Amino acid sequence: NISNNLFTTIEPKDFERVLVFGDALISENAKDVLGLLEEIG
């Protein structure tokens, strides 16, 4: 389970790509993972 607390230090502007694996989307906070991807853009 990927806690959304892990997202607190992420600066979306620092990234140019995201590599995400399937185990991240079976987490209880999978919607938060997708929200972060959308924010990074």
ModelCIF file with pLDDT and N, C-alpha, C, O atoms, coordinates in Angstrom:
data_MODEL
#
_entry.id   MODEL 
#
_entity.id                         1 
_entity.type                       polymer 
_entity.pdbx_number_of_molecules   1 
#
_entity_poly.entity_id                      1 
_entity_poly.type                           'polypeptide(L)' 
_entity_poly.nstd_linkage                   no 
_entity_poly.nstd_monomer                   no 
_entity_poly.pdbx_seq_one_letter_code       NISNNLFTTIEPKDFERVLVFGDALISENAKDVLGLLEEIG 
_entity_poly.pdbx_seq_one_letter_code_can   NISNNLFTTIEPKDFERVLVFGDALISENAKDVLGLLEEIG 
_entity_poly.pdbx_strand_id                 A 
#
loop_
_entity_poly_seq.entity_id 
_entity_poly_seq.num 
_entity_poly_seq.mon_id 
_entity_poly_seq.hetero 
1 1  ASN n 
1 2  ILE n 
1 3  SER n 
1 4  ASN n 
1 5  ASN n 
1 6  LEU n 
1 7  PHE n 
1 8  THR n 
1 9  THR n 
1 10 ILE n 
1 11 GLU n 
1 12 PRO n 
1 13 LYS n 
1 14 ASP n 
1 15 PHE n 
1 16 GLU n 
1 17 ARG n 
1 18 VAL n 
1 19 LEU n 
1 20 VAL n 
1 21 PHE n 
1 22 GLY n 
1 23 ASP n 
1 24 ALA n 
1 25 LEU n 
1 26 ILE n 
1 27 SER n 
1 28 GLU n 
1 29 ASN n 
1 30 ALA n 
1 31 LYS n 
1 32 ASP n 
1 33 VAL n 
1 34 LEU n 
1 35 GLY n 
1 36 LEU n 
1 37 LEU n 
1 38 GLU n 
1 39 GLU n 
1 40 ILE n 
1 41 GLY n 
#
_struct_asym.id          A 
_struct_asym.entity_id   1 
#
loop_
_ma_qa_metric.id 
_ma_qa_metric.mode 
_ma_qa_metric.name 
_ma_qa_metric.software_group_id 
_ma_qa_metric.type 
1 global pLDDT . pLDDT 
2 local  pLDDT . pLDDT 
#
_ma_qa_metric_global.metric_id      1 
_ma_qa_metric_global.metric_value   85.83 
_ma_qa_metric_global.model_id       1 
_ma_qa_metric_global.ordinal_id     1 
#
loop_
_ma_qa_metric_local.label_asym_id 
_ma_qa_metric_local.label_comp_id 
_ma_qa_metric_local.label_seq_id 
_ma_qa_metric_local.metric_id 
_ma_qa_metric_local.metric_value 
_ma_qa_metric_local.model_id 
_ma_qa_metric_local.ordinal_id 
A ASN 1  2 64.00 1 1  
A ILE 2  2 69.00 1 2  
A SER 3  2 67.00 1 3  
A ASN 4  2 68.00 1 4  
A ASN 5  2 69.00 1 5  
A LEU 6  2 69.00 1 6  
A PHE 7  2 74.00 1 7  
A THR 8  2 74.00 1 8  
A THR 9  2 76.00 1 9  
A ILE 10 2 84.00 1 10 
A GLU 11 2 89.00 1 11 
A PRO 12 2 90.00 1 12 
A LYS 13 2 93.00 1 13 
A ASP 14 2 93.00 1 14 
A PHE 15 2 95.00 1 15 
A GLU 16 2 94.00 1 16 
A ARG 17 2 96.00 1 17 
A VAL 18 2 97.00 1 18 
A LEU 19 2 97.00 1 19 
A VAL 20 2 96.00 1 20 
A PHE 21 2 94.00 1 21 
A GLY 22 2 90.00 1 22 
A ASP 23 2 84.00 1 23 
A ALA 24 2 86.00 1 24 
A LEU 25 2 89.00 1 25 
A ILE 26 2 83.00 1 26 
A SER 27 2 77.00 1 27 
A GLU 28 2 78.00 1 28 
A ASN 29 2 82.00 1 29 
A ALA 30 2 88.00 1 30 
A LYS 31 2 90.00 1 31 
A ASP 32 2 88.00 1 32 
A VAL 33 2 90.00 1 33 
A LEU 34 2 93.00 1 34 
A GLY 35 2 92.00 1 35 
A LEU 36 2 91.00 1 36 
A LEU 37 2 94.00 1 37 
A GLU 38 2 94.00 1 38 
A GLU 39 2 93.00 1 39 
A ILE 40 2 94.00 1 40 
A GLY 41 2 95.00 1 41 
#
loop_
_atom_site.group_PDB 
_atom_site.id 
_atom_site.type_symbol 
_atom_site.label_atom_id 
_atom_site.label_alt_id 
_atom_site.label_comp_id 
_atom_site.label_asym_id 
_atom_site.label_entity_id 
_atom_site.label_seq_id 
_atom_site.pdbx_PDB_ins_code 
_atom_site.Cartn_x 
_atom_site.Cartn_y 
_atom_site.Cartn_z 
_atom_site.occupancy 
_atom_site.B_iso_or_equiv 
_atom_site.pdbx_formal_charge 
_atom_site.auth_seq_id 
_atom_site.auth_comp_id 
_atom_site.auth_asym_id 
_atom_site.auth_atom_id 
_atom_site.pdbx_PDB_model_num 
ATOM 1   N N  . ASN A 1 1  ? 0.841  -1.195 0.000   1.00 64.00 ? 1  ASN A N  1 
ATOM 2   C CA . ASN A 1 1  ? 0.000  0.000  0.000   1.00 64.00 ? 1  ASN A CA 1 
ATOM 3   C C  . ASN A 1 1  ? 0.872  1.240  0.000   1.00 64.00 ? 1  ASN A C  1 
ATOM 4   O O  . ASN A 1 1  ? 1.622  1.486  0.945   1.00 64.00 ? 1  ASN A O  1 
ATOM 5   N N  . ILE A 1 2  ? 0.770  2.010  -1.056  1.00 69.00 ? 2  ILE A N  1 
ATOM 6   C CA . ILE A 1 2  ? 1.602  3.201  -1.208  1.00 69.00 ? 2  ILE A CA 1 
ATOM 7   C C  . ILE A 1 2  ? 0.897  4.367  -0.535  1.00 69.00 ? 2  ILE A C  1 
ATOM 8   O O  . ILE A 1 2  ? -0.090 4.890  -1.053  1.00 69.00 ? 2  ILE A O  1 
ATOM 9   N N  . SER A 1 3  ? 1.401  4.764  0.606   1.00 67.00 ? 3  SER A N  1 
ATOM 10  C CA . SER A 1 3  ? 0.781  5.831  1.381   1.00 67.00 ? 3  SER A CA 1 
ATOM 11  C C  . SER A 1 3  ? 0.871  7.160  0.643   1.00 67.00 ? 3  SER A C  1 
ATOM 12  O O  . SER A 1 3  ? 1.893  7.472  0.033   1.00 67.00 ? 3  SER A O  1 
ATOM 13  N N  . ASN A 1 4  ? -0.217 7.949  0.702   1.00 68.00 ? 4  ASN A N  1 
ATOM 14  C CA . ASN A 1 4  ? -0.150 9.259  0.047   1.00 68.00 ? 4  ASN A CA 1 
ATOM 15  C C  . ASN A 1 4  ? 0.777  10.212 0.790   1.00 68.00 ? 4  ASN A C  1 
ATOM 16  O O  . ASN A 1 4  ? 1.064  11.305 0.302   1.00 68.00 ? 4  ASN A O  1 
ATOM 17  N N  . ASN A 1 5  ? 1.253  9.801  1.982   1.00 69.00 ? 5  ASN A N  1 
ATOM 18  C CA . ASN A 1 5  ? 2.270  10.603 2.680   1.00 69.00 ? 5  ASN A CA 1 
ATOM 19  C C  . ASN A 1 5  ? 3.568  10.654 1.875   1.00 69.00 ? 5  ASN A C  1 
ATOM 20  O O  . ASN A 1 5  ? 4.361  11.586 2.007   1.00 69.00 ? 5  ASN A O  1 
ATOM 21  N N  . LEU A 1 6  ? 3.768  9.634  1.038   1.00 69.00 ? 6  LEU A N  1 
ATOM 22  C CA . LEU A 1 6  ? 4.989  9.603  0.225   1.00 69.00 ? 6  LEU A CA 1 
ATOM 23  C C  . LEU A 1 6  ? 4.983  10.673 -0.862  1.00 69.00 ? 6  LEU A C  1 
ATOM 24  O O  . LEU A 1 6  ? 6.025  10.970 -1.445  1.00 69.00 ? 6  LEU A O  1 
ATOM 25  N N  . PHE A 1 7  ? 3.810  11.254 -1.138  1.00 74.00 ? 7  PHE A N  1 
ATOM 26  C CA . PHE A 1 7  ? 3.707  12.239 -2.211  1.00 74.00 ? 7  PHE A CA 1 
ATOM 27  C C  . PHE A 1 7  ? 4.070  13.658 -1.752  1.00 74.00 ? 7  PHE A C  1 
ATOM 28  O O  . PHE A 1 7  ? 4.203  14.567 -2.571  1.00 74.00 ? 7  PHE A O  1 
ATOM 29  N N  . THR A 1 8  ? 4.226  13.835 -0.445  1.00 74.00 ? 8  THR A N  1 
ATOM 30  C CA . THR A 1 8  ? 4.330  15.196 0.090   1.00 74.00 ? 8  THR A CA 1 
ATOM 31  C C  . THR A 1 8  ? 5.584  15.932 -0.371  1.00 74.00 ? 8  THR A C  1 
ATOM 32  O O  . THR A 1 8  ? 5.576  17.160 -0.458  1.00 74.00 ? 8  THR A O  1 
ATOM 33  N N  . THR A 1 9  ? 6.652  15.212 -0.664  1.00 76.00 ? 9  THR A N  1 
ATOM 34  C CA . THR A 1 9  ? 7.899  15.871 -1.070  1.00 76.00 ? 9  THR A CA 1 
ATOM 35  C C  . THR A 1 9  ? 8.066  15.927 -2.588  1.00 76.00 ? 9  THR A C  1 
ATOM 36  O O  . THR A 1 9  ? 9.079  16.417 -3.088  1.00 76.00 ? 9  THR A O  1 
ATOM 37  N N  . ILE A 1 10 ? 7.080  15.429 -3.309  1.00 84.00 ? 10 ILE A N  1 
ATOM 38  C CA . ILE A 1 10 ? 7.187  15.398 -4.770  1.00 84.00 ? 10 ILE A CA 1 
ATOM 39  C C  . ILE A 1 10 ? 6.874  16.763 -5.364  1.00 84.00 ? 10 ILE A C  1 
ATOM 40  O O  . ILE A 1 10 ? 5.841  17.363 -5.064  1.00 84.00 ? 10 ILE A O  1 
ATOM 41  N N  . GLU A 1 11 ? 7.780  17.246 -6.211  1.00 89.00 ? 11 GLU A N  1 
ATOM 42  C CA . GLU A 1 11 ? 7.576  18.495 -6.957  1.00 89.00 ? 11 GLU A CA 1 
ATOM 43  C C  . GLU A 1 11 ? 7.305  18.128 -8.415  1.00 89.00 ? 11 GLU A C  1 
ATOM 44  O O  . GLU A 1 11 ? 8.239  17.775 -9.135  1.00 89.00 ? 11 GLU A O  1 
ATOM 45  N N  . PRO A 1 12 ? 6.060  18.203 -8.867  1.00 90.00 ? 12 PRO A N  1 
ATOM 46  C CA . PRO A 1 12 ? 5.730  17.776 -10.235 1.00 90.00 ? 12 PRO A CA 1 
ATOM 47  C C  . PRO A 1 12 ? 6.603  18.393 -11.316 1.00 90.00 ? 12 PRO A C  1 
ATOM 48  O O  . PRO A 1 12 ? 6.899  17.741 -12.318 1.00 90.00 ? 12 PRO A O  1 
ATOM 49  N N  . LYS A 1 13 ? 7.018  19.634 -11.129 1.00 93.00 ? 13 LYS A N  1 
ATOM 50  C CA . LYS A 1 13 ? 7.817  20.311 -12.166 1.00 93.00 ? 13 LYS A CA 1 
ATOM 51  C C  . LYS A 1 13 ? 9.215  19.716 -12.327 1.00 93.00 ? 13 LYS A C  1 
ATOM 52  O O  . LYS A 1 13 ? 9.909  20.024 -13.296 1.00 93.00 ? 13 LYS A O  1 
ATOM 53  N N  . ASP A 1 14 ? 9.637  18.862 -11.382 1.00 93.00 ? 14 ASP A N  1 
ATOM 54  C CA . ASP A 1 14 ? 10.985 18.284 -11.438 1.00 93.00 ? 14 ASP A CA 1 
ATOM 55  C C  . ASP A 1 14 ? 11.085 17.102 -12.390 1.00 93.00 ? 14 ASP A C  1 
ATOM 56  O O  . ASP A 1 14 ? 12.186 16.606 -12.631 1.00 93.00 ? 14 ASP A O  1 
ATOM 57  N N  . PHE A 1 15 ? 9.961  16.634 -12.938 1.00 95.00 ? 15 PHE A N  1 
ATOM 58  C CA . PHE A 1 15 ? 9.955  15.376 -13.687 1.00 95.00 ? 15 PHE A CA 1 
ATOM 59  C C  . PHE A 1 15 ? 9.579  15.573 -15.151 1.00 95.00 ? 15 PHE A C  1 
ATOM 60  O O  . PHE A 1 15 ? 8.760  16.422 -15.503 1.00 95.00 ? 15 PHE A O  1 
ATOM 61  N N  . GLU A 1 16 ? 10.220 14.742 -16.000 1.00 94.00 ? 16 GLU A N  1 
ATOM 62  C CA . GLU A 1 16 ? 9.862  14.769 -17.415 1.00 94.00 ? 16 GLU A CA 1 
ATOM 63  C C  . GLU A 1 16 ? 9.233  13.460 -17.877 1.00 94.00 ? 16 GLU A C  1 
ATOM 64  O O  . GLU A 1 16 ? 8.764  13.364 -19.011 1.00 94.00 ? 16 GLU A O  1 
ATOM 65  N N  . ARG A 1 17 ? 9.219  12.449 -17.004 1.00 96.00 ? 17 ARG A N  1 
ATOM 66  C CA . ARG A 1 17 ? 8.546  11.187 -17.310 1.00 96.00 ? 17 ARG A CA 1 
ATOM 67  C C  . ARG A 1 17 ? 8.330  10.413 -16.023 1.00 96.00 ? 17 ARG A C  1 
ATOM 68  O O  . ARG A 1 17 ? 8.986  10.655 -15.010 1.00 96.00 ? 17 ARG A O  1 
ATOM 69  N N  . VAL A 1 18 ? 7.381  9.464  -16.089 1.00 97.00 ? 18 VAL A N  1 
ATOM 70  C CA . VAL A 1 18 ? 7.085  8.611  -14.944 1.00 97.00 ? 18 VAL A CA 1 
ATOM 71  C C  . VAL A 1 18 ? 7.098  7.162  -15.407 1.00 97.00 ? 18 VAL A C  1 
ATOM 72  O O  . VAL A 1 18 ? 6.544  6.832  -16.456 1.00 97.00 ? 18 VAL A O  1 
ATOM 73  N N  . LEU A 1 19 ? 7.728  6.308  -14.625 1.00 97.00 ? 19 LEU A N  1 
ATOM 74  C CA . LEU A 1 19 ? 7.732  4.864  -14.877 1.00 97.00 ? 19 LEU A CA 1 
ATOM 75  C C  . LEU A 1 19 ? 6.957  4.224  -13.730 1.00 97.00 ? 19 LEU A C  1 
ATOM 76  O O  . LEU A 1 19 ? 7.428  4.206  -12.593 1.00 97.00 ? 19 LEU A O  1 
ATOM 77  N N  . VAL A 1 20 ? 5.764  3.696  -14.028 1.00 96.00 ? 20 VAL A N  1 
ATOM 78  C CA . VAL A 1 20 ? 4.897  3.165  -12.979 1.00 96.00 ? 20 VAL A CA 1 
ATOM 79  C C  . VAL A 1 20 ? 4.567  1.705  -13.269 1.00 96.00 ? 20 VAL A C  1 
ATOM 80  O O  . VAL A 1 20 ? 4.257  1.335  -14.401 1.00 96.00 ? 20 VAL A O  1 
ATOM 81  N N  . PHE A 1 21 ? 4.641  0.887  -12.227 1.00 94.00 ? 21 PHE A N  1 
ATOM 82  C CA . PHE A 1 21 ? 4.421  -0.549 -12.364 1.00 94.00 ? 21 PHE A CA 1 
ATOM 83  C C  . PHE A 1 21 ? 3.046  -0.933 -11.820 1.00 94.00 ? 21 PHE A C  1 
ATOM 84  O O  . PHE A 1 21 ? 2.447  -0.202 -11.031 1.00 94.00 ? 21 PHE A O  1 
ATOM 85  N N  . GLY A 1 22 ? 2.560  -2.092 -12.256 1.00 90.00 ? 22 GLY A N  1 
ATOM 86  C CA . GLY A 1 22 ? 1.204  -2.508 -11.922 1.00 90.00 ? 22 GLY A CA 1 
ATOM 87  C C  . GLY A 1 22 ? 0.944  -2.649 -10.440 1.00 90.00 ? 22 GLY A C  1 
ATOM 88  O O  . GLY A 1 22 ? -0.184 -2.445 -9.991  1.00 90.00 ? 22 GLY A O  1 
ATOM 89  N N  . ASP A 1 23 ? 1.983  -3.002 -9.651  1.00 84.00 ? 23 ASP A N  1 
ATOM 90  C CA . ASP A 1 23 ? 1.763  -3.175 -8.219  1.00 84.00 ? 23 ASP A CA 1 
ATOM 91  C C  . ASP A 1 23 ? 1.361  -1.865 -7.540  1.00 84.00 ? 23 ASP A C  1 
ATOM 92  O O  . ASP A 1 23 ? 0.785  -1.881 -6.452  1.00 84.00 ? 23 ASP A O  1 
ATOM 93  N N  . ALA A 1 24 ? 1.667  -0.721 -8.185  1.00 86.00 ? 24 ALA A N  1 
ATOM 94  C CA . ALA A 1 24 ? 1.264  0.578  -7.616  1.00 86.00 ? 24 ALA A CA 1 
ATOM 95  C C  . ALA A 1 24 ? -0.230 0.827  -7.758  1.00 86.00 ? 24 ALA A C  1 
ATOM 96  O O  . ALA A 1 24 ? -0.800 1.624  -7.013  1.00 86.00 ? 24 ALA A O  1 
ATOM 97  N N  . LEU A 1 25 ? -0.875 0.144  -8.717  1.00 89.00 ? 25 LEU A N  1 
ATOM 98  C CA . LEU A 1 25 ? -2.298 0.384  -8.961  1.00 89.00 ? 25 LEU A CA 1 
ATOM 99  C C  . LEU A 1 25 ? -3.207 -0.639 -8.286  1.00 89.00 ? 25 LEU A C  1 
ATOM 100 O O  . LEU A 1 25 ? -4.418 -0.637 -8.507  1.00 89.00 ? 25 LEU A O  1 
ATOM 101 N N  . ILE A 1 26 ? -2.622 -1.518 -7.459  1.00 83.00 ? 26 ILE A N  1 
ATOM 102 C CA . ILE A 1 26 ? -3.468 -2.374 -6.628  1.00 83.00 ? 26 ILE A CA 1 
ATOM 103 C C  . ILE A 1 26 ? -3.385 -1.907 -5.169  1.00 83.00 ? 26 ILE A C  1 
ATOM 104 O O  . ILE A 1 26 ? -3.911 -2.556 -4.266  1.00 83.00 ? 26 ILE A O  1 
ATOM 105 N N  . SER A 1 27 ? -2.721 -0.777 -4.961  1.00 77.00 ? 27 SER A N  1 
ATOM 106 C CA . SER A 1 27 ? -2.632 -0.173 -3.641  1.00 77.00 ? 27 SER A CA 1 
ATOM 107 C C  . SER A 1 27 ? -3.958 0.485  -3.276  1.00 77.00 ? 27 SER A C  1 
ATOM 108 O O  . SER A 1 27 ? -4.744 0.846  -4.152  1.00 77.00 ? 27 SER A O  1 
ATOM 109 N N  . GLU A 1 28 ? -4.199 0.640  -1.969  1.00 78.00 ? 28 GLU A N  1 
ATOM 110 C CA . GLU A 1 28 ? -5.409 1.329  -1.521  1.00 78.00 ? 28 GLU A CA 1 
ATOM 111 C C  . GLU A 1 28 ? -5.443 2.777  -2.009  1.00 78.00 ? 28 GLU A C  1 
ATOM 112 O O  . GLU A 1 28 ? -6.512 3.366  -2.164  1.00 78.00 ? 28 GLU A O  1 
ATOM 113 N N  . ASN A 1 29 ? -4.271 3.333  -2.247  1.00 82.00 ? 29 ASN A N  1 
ATOM 114 C CA . ASN A 1 29 ? -4.186 4.731  -2.672  1.00 82.00 ? 29 ASN A CA 1 
ATOM 115 C C  . ASN A 1 29 ? -3.888 4.864  -4.165  1.00 82.00 ? 29 ASN A C  1 
ATOM 116 O O  . ASN A 1 29 ? -3.246 5.821  -4.598  1.00 82.00 ? 29 ASN A O  1 
ATOM 117 N N  . ALA A 1 30 ? -4.359 3.895  -4.941  1.00 88.00 ? 30 ALA A N  1 
ATOM 118 C CA . ALA A 1 30 ? -4.100 3.915  -6.384  1.00 88.00 ? 30 ALA A CA 1 
ATOM 119 C C  . ALA A 1 30 ? -4.648 5.180  -7.038  1.00 88.00 ? 30 ALA A C  1 
ATOM 120 O O  . ALA A 1 30 ? -4.036 5.707  -7.967  1.00 88.00 ? 30 ALA A O  1 
ATOM 121 N N  . LYS A 1 31 ? -5.798 5.676  -6.563  1.00 90.00 ? 31 LYS A N  1 
ATOM 122 C CA . LYS A 1 31 ? -6.364 6.896  -7.144  1.00 90.00 ? 31 LYS A CA 1 
ATOM 123 C C  . LYS A 1 31 ? -5.440 8.091  -6.908  1.00 90.00 ? 31 LYS A C  1 
ATOM 124 O O  . LYS A 1 31 ? -5.347 8.986  -7.747  1.00 90.00 ? 31 LYS A O  1 
ATOM 125 N N  . ASP A 1 32 ? -4.758 8.098  -5.756  1.00 88.00 ? 32 ASP A N  1 
ATOM 126 C CA . ASP A 1 32 ? -3.805 9.173  -5.479  1.00 88.00 ? 32 ASP A CA 1 
ATOM 127 C C  . ASP A 1 32 ? -2.597 9.087  -6.409  1.00 88.00 ? 32 ASP A C  1 
ATOM 128 O O  . ASP A 1 32 ? -2.051 10.107 -6.830  1.00 88.00 ? 32 ASP A O  1 
ATOM 129 N N  . VAL A 1 33 ? -2.182 7.850  -6.726  1.00 90.00 ? 33 VAL A N  1 
ATOM 130 C CA . VAL A 1 33 ? -1.081 7.656  -7.672  1.00 90.00 ? 33 VAL A CA 1 
ATOM 131 C C  . VAL A 1 33 ? -1.461 8.253  -9.025  1.00 90.00 ? 33 VAL A C  1 
ATOM 132 O O  . VAL A 1 33 ? -0.673 8.982  -9.628  1.00 90.00 ? 33 VAL A O  1 
ATOM 133 N N  . LEU A 1 34 ? -2.663 7.944  -9.500  1.00 93.00 ? 34 LEU A N  1 
ATOM 134 C CA . LEU A 1 34 ? -3.118 8.461  -10.793 1.00 93.00 ? 34 LEU A CA 1 
ATOM 135 C C  . LEU A 1 34 ? -3.283 9.978  -10.750 1.00 93.00 ? 34 LEU A C  1 
ATOM 136 O O  . LEU A 1 34 ? -2.989 10.664 -11.729 1.00 93.00 ? 34 LEU A O  1 
ATOM 137 N N  . GLY A 1 35 ? -3.751 10.499 -9.621  1.00 92.00 ? 35 GLY A N  1 
ATOM 138 C CA . GLY A 1 35 ? -3.866 11.949 -9.474  1.00 92.00 ? 35 GLY A CA 1 
ATOM 139 C C  . GLY A 1 35 ? -2.518 12.633 -9.578  1.00 92.00 ? 35 GLY A C  1 
ATOM 140 O O  . GLY A 1 35 ? -2.401 13.709 -10.166 1.00 92.00 ? 35 GLY A O  1 
ATOM 141 N N  . LEU A 1 36 ? -1.486 11.999 -8.999  1.00 91.00 ? 36 LEU A N  1 
ATOM 142 C CA . LEU A 1 36 ? -0.131 12.550 -9.086  1.00 91.00 ? 36 LEU A CA 1 
ATOM 143 C C  . LEU A 1 36 ? 0.365  12.534 -10.530 1.00 91.00 ? 36 LEU A C  1 
ATOM 144 O O  . LEU A 1 36 ? 0.976  13.500 -10.986 1.00 91.00 ? 36 LEU A O  1 
ATOM 145 N N  . LEU A 1 37 ? 0.104  11.435 -11.255 1.00 94.00 ? 37 LEU A N  1 
ATOM 146 C CA . LEU A 1 37 ? 0.520  11.352 -12.666 1.00 94.00 ? 37 LEU A CA 1 
ATOM 147 C C  . LEU A 1 37 ? -0.135 12.456 -13.486 1.00 94.00 ? 37 LEU A C  1 
ATOM 148 O O  . LEU A 1 37 ? 0.498  13.067 -14.347 1.00 94.00 ? 37 LEU A O  1 
ATOM 149 N N  . GLU A 1 38 ? -1.403 12.701 -13.206 1.00 94.00 ? 38 GLU A N  1 
ATOM 150 C CA . GLU A 1 38 ? -2.132 13.758 -13.924 1.00 94.00 ? 38 GLU A CA 1 
ATOM 151 C C  . GLU A 1 38 ? -1.550 15.125 -13.589 1.00 94.00 ? 38 GLU A C  1 
ATOM 152 O O  . GLU A 1 38 ? -1.445 15.989 -14.459 1.00 94.00 ? 38 GLU A O  1 
ATOM 153 N N  . GLU A 1 39 ? -1.173 15.321 -12.330 1.00 93.00 ? 39 GLU A N  1 
ATOM 154 C CA . GLU A 1 39 ? -0.602 16.599 -11.914 1.00 93.00 ? 39 GLU A CA 1 
ATOM 155 C C  . GLU A 1 39 ? 0.760  16.831 -12.560 1.00 93.00 ? 39 GLU A C  1 
ATOM 156 O O  . GLU A 1 39 ? 1.078  17.949 -12.965 1.00 93.00 ? 39 GLU A O  1 
ATOM 157 N N  . ILE A 1 40 ? 1.560  15.778 -12.653 1.00 94.00 ? 40 ILE A N  1 
ATOM 158 C CA . ILE A 1 40 ? 2.875  15.901 -13.292 1.00 94.00 ? 40 ILE A CA 1 
ATOM 159 C C  . ILE A 1 40 ? 2.713  16.214 -14.776 1.00 94.00 ? 40 ILE A C  1 
ATOM 160 O O  . ILE A 1 40 ? 3.427  17.059 -15.316 1.00 94.00 ? 40 ILE A O  1 
ATOM 161 N N  . GLY A 1 41 ? 1.775  15.534 -15.435 1.00 95.00 ? 41 GLY A N  1 
ATOM 162 C CA . GLY A 1 41 ? 1.432  15.865 -16.818 1.00 95.00 ? 41 GLY A CA 1 
ATOM 163 C C  . GLY A 1 41 ? 2.516  15.570 -17.835 1.00 95.00 ? 41 GLY A C  1 
ATOM 164 O O  . GLY A 1 41 ? 2.327  15.813 -19.027 1.00 95.00 ? 41 GLY A O  1 
#
